Amino acid sequence: MTDPEYEQLKKHLEEQRRIGMELVERAYAAQMRSLEMIRTLQGGSGPVALPTAVPPPAPERPRRRMATEVWNDVCEIFPDLPERFTRRDVCKALGYEPDRGALYKTLEGLAAQGDFTIETKGKGQKGTVYRKTD
């Protein structure tokens, strides 16, 4: 590195430091103005009560059902399903989204019993279409 390059880089770093320090000072001044505004709004006496952001409560997770519960629920709503149906139809009739594995095992078991057959096997974005048997 030559002397002129060294001096140029040194000046660049000093300028970056000056800009950084200026930004910190401006941020500090803005924070102080905000603090003074809060104190003024509260009447100007006593300790300053800073506003606190209370995070919203976490949404309640739906209860995870056991495989036997999913089986019983599907058997209960089965008569209400259309002649041709998909997993989405089953979930809509159930009123909840069961565990994918439990639902798959349930549908597989009911198909093995002969309650319905697989009309079209699902692939990619297309769901499996089931057809009730007589």
Protein backbone atom coordinates (compact mmCIF):
# COMPACT_ATOMS: atom_id res chain seq x y z
CA MET A 1 0.00 0.00 0.00
CA THR A 2 1.41 3.35 -1.00
CA ASP A 3 1.45 6.41 1.25
CA PRO A 4 -1.27 8.22 -0.76
CA GLU A 5 -3.52 5.11 -0.59
CA TYR A 6 -2.96 4.85 3.16
CA GLU A 7 -3.86 8.51 3.68
CA GLN A 8 -6.98 8.17 1.52
CA LEU A 9 -8.19 5.11 3.46
CA LYS A 10 -7.41 6.81 6.77
CA LYS A 11 -9.48 9.88 5.79
CA HIS A 12 -12.31 7.60 4.64
CA LEU A 13 -12.34 5.79 8.00
CA GLU A 14 -12.27 9.07 9.92
CA GLU A 15 -15.25 10.32 7.86
CA GLN A 16 -17.15 7.08 8.53
CA ARG A 17 -16.47 7.47 12.26
CA ARG A 18 -17.66 11.08 12.21
CA ILE A 19 -20.89 10.09 10.42
CA GLY A 20 -21.47 7.22 12.86
CA MET A 21 -20.96 9.45 15.89
CA GLU A 22 -23.33 12.03 14.43
CA LEU A 23 -26.01 9.38 13.93
CA VAL A 24 -25.63 8.17 17.52
CA GLU A 25 -25.94 11.72 18.82
CA ARG A 26 -29.06 12.36 16.72
CA ALA A 27 -30.65 9.11 17.97
CA TYR A 28 -29.88 10.08 21.56
CA ALA A 29 -31.38 13.54 21.07
CA ALA A 30 -34.56 12.01 19.59
CA GLN A 31 -34.86 9.62 22.53
CA MET A 32 -34.45 12.50 24.99
CA ARG A 33 -37.15 14.54 23.19
CA SER A 34 -39.49 11.55 23.38
CA LEU A 35 -38.80 11.10 27.09
CA GLU A 36 -39.45 14.79 27.76
CA MET A 37 -42.69 14.61 25.76
CA ILE A 38 -43.90 11.65 27.81
CA ARG A 39 -43.11 13.48 31.03
CA THR A 40 -44.94 16.59 29.80
CA LEU A 41 -48.00 14.55 28.83
CA GLN A 42 -48.04 12.95 32.30
CA GLY A 43 -48.12 16.27 34.06
CA GLY A 44 -44.42 16.88 34.49
CA SER A 45 -43.97 15.47 38.00
CA GLY A 46 -42.98 12.19 39.52
CA PRO A 47 -41.20 9.34 37.84
CA VAL A 48 -41.72 8.86 34.16
CA ALA A 49 -43.83 5.84 33.31
CA LEU A 50 -42.59 4.67 29.97
CA PRO A 51 -45.19 3.12 27.70
CA THR A 52 -44.72 -0.61 27.41
CA ALA A 53 -45.74 -2.69 24.49
CA VAL A 54 -47.67 -5.71 25.69
CA PRO A 55 -47.39 -8.51 23.17
CA PRO A 56 -50.71 -10.00 22.13
CA PRO A 57 -51.43 -13.39 23.63
CA ALA A 58 -50.32 -16.32 21.54
CA PRO A 59 -53.15 -17.92 19.61
CA GLU A 60 -54.44 -21.04 21.27
CA ARG A 61 -53.24 -24.16 19.51
CA PRO A 62 -56.00 -26.58 18.66
CA ARG A 63 -55.96 -29.78 20.65
CA ARG A 64 -54.25 -32.59 18.79
CA ARG A 65 -56.53 -35.59 18.51
CA MET A 66 -55.45 -39.18 18.85
CA ALA A 67 -55.73 -41.48 15.83
CA THR A 68 -58.68 -43.31 17.41
CA GLU A 69 -60.51 -40.01 17.88
CA VAL A 70 -59.91 -39.11 14.23
CA TRP A 71 -61.21 -42.55 13.21
CA ASN A 72 -64.37 -42.13 15.31
CA ASP A 73 -64.94 -38.57 14.07
CA VAL A 74 -64.57 -39.61 10.40
CA CYS A 75 -66.92 -42.56 10.90
CA GLU A 76 -69.45 -40.18 12.46
CA ILE A 77 -69.41 -37.68 9.56
CA PHE A 78 -68.99 -40.31 6.82
CA PRO A 79 -72.72 -40.50 5.92
CA ASP A 80 -72.75 -36.71 5.37
CA LEU A 81 -69.88 -36.78 2.85
CA PRO A 82 -70.74 -36.47 -0.85
CA GLU A 83 -70.57 -39.51 -3.15
CA ARG A 84 -67.15 -38.31 -4.42
CA PHE A 85 -64.97 -36.59 -1.82
CA THR A 86 -61.43 -35.51 -1.02
CA ARG A 87 -59.43 -35.00 2.15
CA ARG A 88 -60.54 -31.36 2.12
CA ASP A 89 -64.19 -32.42 2.17
CA VAL A 90 -63.47 -34.64 5.16
CA CYS A 91 -61.69 -31.82 7.03
CA LYS A 92 -64.52 -29.41 6.25
CA ALA A 93 -67.10 -31.88 7.55
CA LEU A 94 -65.00 -32.53 10.66
CA GLY A 95 -64.61 -28.83 11.38
CA TYR A 96 -60.91 -29.22 12.13
CA GLU A 97 -57.67 -30.24 10.41
CA PRO A 98 -56.57 -33.58 11.88
CA ASP A 99 -53.02 -34.84 11.87
CA ARG A 100 -52.19 -35.82 8.29
CA GLY A 101 -50.88 -39.24 9.26
CA ALA A 102 -53.90 -40.06 11.43
CA LEU A 103 -56.29 -38.98 8.68
CA TYR A 104 -54.38 -40.95 6.05
CA LYS A 105 -54.47 -44.11 8.21
CA THR A 106 -58.18 -43.60 8.85
CA LEU A 107 -59.01 -43.20 5.16
CA GLU A 108 -56.77 -46.15 4.30
CA GLY A 109 -58.53 -48.31 6.91
CA LEU A 110 -62.01 -47.34 5.77
CA ALA A 111 -61.07 -48.03 2.15
CA ALA A 112 -59.76 -51.46 3.21
CA GLN A 113 -63.14 -52.15 4.86
CA GLY A 114 -64.80 -51.39 1.54
CA ASP A 115 -66.64 -48.20 2.61
CA PHE A 116 -65.19 -46.39 -0.40
CA THR A 117 -62.63 -46.77 -3.16
CA ILE A 118 -59.92 -44.53 -4.49
CA GLU A 119 -61.23 -43.09 -7.74
CA THR A 120 -58.21 -40.95 -8.60
CA LYS A 121 -54.85 -41.13 -6.84
CA GLY A 122 -53.55 -37.72 -5.78
CA LYS A 123 -50.37 -36.26 -7.19
CA GLY A 124 -48.67 -32.94 -6.49
CA GLN A 125 -51.33 -30.28 -5.93
CA LYS A 126 -54.17 -32.64 -6.90
CA GLY A 127 -55.75 -34.46 -3.99
CA THR A 128 -56.89 -38.06 -3.98
CA VAL A 129 -60.55 -38.44 -4.93
CA TYR A 130 -62.54 -41.11 -3.10
CA ARG A 131 -65.89 -42.64 -4.14
CA LYS A 132 -68.35 -44.21 -1.71
CA THR A 133 -69.32 -47.82 -2.36
CA ASP A 134 -72.79 -49.27 -1.84
